[in-house]
């Protein structure tokens, strides 16, 4: 694996982008998303929801995801603070 030297953080960040992805790139991205879903699956409430706009629908989804992230953080903190028996 080559080592690259950058003059700034912006240059280093730009080097991470893939502007001409191939099939292997998409397989790696799909594997990353599967792994993330196994680590912390998000469960959405059952049912149909009506929204007046796409922004409202996105806000609803973000609220669900944020609530689950906060609940996960609270569970992990509670586990860390448990006193050994």
C-alpha atoms as a PDB file:
ATOM      1  CA  UNK A   1       0.000   0.000   0.000  1.00  0.00           C
ATOM      2  CA  UNK A   2       1.537   3.319  -1.030  1.00  0.00           C
ATOM      3  CA  UNK A   3       2.129   6.164   1.405  1.00  0.00           C
ATOM      4  CA  UNK A   4       1.002   9.630   0.328  1.00  0.00           C
ATOM      5  CA  UNK A   5       2.062  13.010   1.665  1.00  0.00           C
ATOM      6  CA  UNK A   6      -0.399  15.905   1.719  1.00  0.00           C
ATOM      7  CA  UNK A   7       0.093  19.612   2.330  1.00  0.00           C
ATOM      8  CA  UNK A   8      -3.278  20.101   4.016  1.00  0.00           C
ATOM      9  CA  UNK A   9      -6.203  18.219   5.505  1.00  0.00           C
ATOM     10  CA  UNK A  10      -8.322  19.309   2.546  1.00  0.00           C
ATOM     11  CA  UNK A  11      -5.909  17.621   0.123  1.00  0.00           C
ATOM     12  CA  UNK A  12      -5.968  14.435   2.183  1.00  0.00           C
ATOM     13  CA  UNK A  13      -9.758  14.485   2.372  1.00  0.00           C
ATOM     14  CA  UNK A  14     -10.070  14.986  -1.384  1.00  0.00           C
ATOM     15  CA  UNK A  15      -7.898  11.900  -1.952  1.00  0.00           C
ATOM     16  CA  UNK A  16     -10.519   9.751  -0.195  1.00  0.00           C
ATOM     17  CA  UNK A  17     -13.165  10.409  -2.833  1.00  0.00           C
ATOM     18  CA  UNK A  18     -13.677   7.899  -5.638  1.00  0.00           C
ATOM     19  CA  UNK A  19     -14.846   9.644  -8.800  1.00  0.00           C
ATOM     20  CA  UNK A  20     -14.828   6.585 -11.052  1.00  0.00           C
ATOM     21  CA  UNK A  21     -16.062   3.680  -8.918  1.00  0.00           C
ATOM     22  CA  UNK A  22     -15.821   0.149 -10.243  1.00  0.00           C
ATOM     23  CA  UNK A  23     -17.788  -2.979  -9.308  1.00  0.00           C
ATOM     24  CA  UNK A  24     -15.384  -3.791  -6.445  1.00  0.00           C
ATOM     25  CA  UNK A  25     -16.017  -0.347  -4.936  1.00  0.00           C
ATOM     26  CA  UNK A  26     -19.781  -0.933  -4.887  1.00  0.00           C
ATOM     27  CA  UNK A  27     -19.265  -4.359  -3.314  1.00  0.00           C
ATOM     28  CA  UNK A  28     -17.161  -2.785  -0.535  1.00  0.00           C
ATOM     29  CA  UNK A  29     -19.795  -0.105   0.075  1.00  0.00           C
ATOM     30  CA  UNK A  30     -22.554  -2.735   0.217  1.00  0.00           C
ATOM     31  CA  UNK A  31     -20.488  -4.820   2.651  1.00  0.00           C
ATOM     32  CA  UNK A  32     -19.913  -1.751   4.829  1.00  0.00           C
ATOM     33  CA  UNK A  33     -23.658  -1.004   4.959  1.00  0.00           C
ATOM     34  CA  UNK A  34     -24.479  -4.649   5.792  1.00  0.00           C
ATOM     35  CA  UNK A  35     -21.904  -4.557   8.597  1.00  0.00           C
ATOM     36  CA  UNK A  36     -23.305  -1.278   9.962  1.00  0.00           C
ATOM     37  CA  UNK A  37     -26.817  -2.711   9.865  1.00  0.00           C
ATOM     38  CA  UNK A  38     -25.682  -5.789  11.814  1.00  0.00           C
ATOM     39  CA  UNK A  39     -23.986  -3.605  14.432  1.00  0.00           C
ATOM     40  CA  UNK A  40     -26.953  -1.321  14.980  1.00  0.00           C
ATOM     41  CA  UNK A  41     -30.082  -2.192  13.014  1.00  0.00           C
ATOM     42  CA  UNK A  42     -32.663   0.570  12.874  1.00  0.00           C
ATOM     43  CA  UNK A  43     -36.259  -0.506  13.307  1.00  0.00           C
ATOM     44  CA  UNK A  44     -38.854   1.846  11.952  1.00  0.00           C
ATOM     45  CA  UNK A  45     -42.375   1.917  13.376  1.00  0.00           C
ATOM     46  CA  UNK A  46     -44.917  -0.164  11.503  1.00  0.00           C
ATOM     47  CA  UNK A  47     -47.632   1.530   9.545  1.00  0.00           C
ATOM     48  CA  UNK A  48     -48.163   4.115   6.881  1.00  0.00           C
ATOM     49  CA  UNK A  49     -47.310   7.746   7.468  1.00  0.00           C
ATOM     50  CA  UNK A  50     -48.456  10.706   5.408  1.00  0.00           C
ATOM     51  CA  UNK A  51     -46.296  13.769   5.069  1.00  0.00           C
ATOM     52  CA  UNK A  52     -46.942  17.130   3.491  1.00  0.00           C
ATOM     53  CA  UNK A  53     -43.444  17.389   2.060  1.00  0.00           C
ATOM     54  CA  UNK A  54     -40.246  15.473   1.505  1.00  0.00           C
ATOM     55  CA  UNK A  55     -38.582  17.631   4.152  1.00  0.00           C
ATOM     56  CA  UNK A  56     -41.200  16.576   6.709  1.00  0.00           C
ATOM     57  CA  UNK A  57     -40.688  12.899   5.807  1.00  0.00           C
ATOM     58  CA  UNK A  58     -36.912  13.252   6.115  1.00  0.00           C
ATOM     59  CA  UNK A  59     -37.286  15.009   9.464  1.00  0.00           C
ATOM     60  CA  UNK A  60     -39.480  12.141  10.719  1.00  0.00           C
ATOM     61  CA  UNK A  61     -36.907   9.541   9.617  1.00  0.00           C
ATOM     62  CA  UNK A  62     -34.069  11.497  11.220  1.00  0.00           C
ATOM     63  CA  UNK A  63     -36.006  11.762  14.492  1.00  0.00           C
ATOM     64  CA  UNK A  64     -36.513   7.986  14.559  1.00  0.00           C
ATOM     65  CA  UNK A  65     -32.850   7.320  13.818  1.00  0.00           C
ATOM     66  CA  UNK A  66     -31.676   9.880  16.380  1.00  0.00           C
ATOM     67  CA  UNK A  67     -33.959   8.435  19.063  1.00  0.00           C
ATOM     68  CA  UNK A  68     -32.564   4.961  18.430  1.00  0.00           C
ATOM     69  CA  UNK A  69     -28.982   6.250  18.525  1.00  0.00           C
ATOM     70  CA  UNK A  70     -29.664   7.974  21.851  1.00  0.00           C
ATOM     71  CA  UNK A  71     -31.268   4.817  23.254  1.00  0.00           C
ATOM     72  CA  UNK A  72     -28.249   2.765  22.170  1.00  0.00           C
ATOM     73  CA  UNK A  73     -25.893   5.265  23.808  1.00  0.00           C
ATOM     74  CA  UNK A  74     -27.928   5.166  27.025  1.00  0.00           C
ATOM     75  CA  UNK A  75     -27.872   1.339  27.063  1.00  0.00           C
ATOM     76  CA  UNK A  76     -24.116   1.284  26.526  1.00  0.00           C
ATOM     77  CA  UNK A  77     -23.520   3.852  29.254  1.00  0.00           C
ATOM     78  CA  UNK A  78     -25.729   1.862  31.632  1.00  0.00           C
ATOM     79  CA  UNK A  79     -23.715  -1.284  30.856  1.00  0.00           C
ATOM     80  CA  UNK A  80     -20.448   0.582  31.465  1.00  0.00           C
ATOM     81  CA  UNK A  81     -21.699   1.894  34.808  1.00  0.00           C
ATOM     82  CA  UNK A  82     -22.877  -1.482  36.079  1.00  0.00           C
ATOM     83  CA  UNK A  83     -21.017  -2.542  39.169  1.00  0.00           C
ATOM     84  CA  UNK A  84     -19.534  -6.046  39.021  1.00  0.00           C
ATOM     85  CA  UNK A  85     -21.299  -8.493  41.339  1.00  0.00           C
END
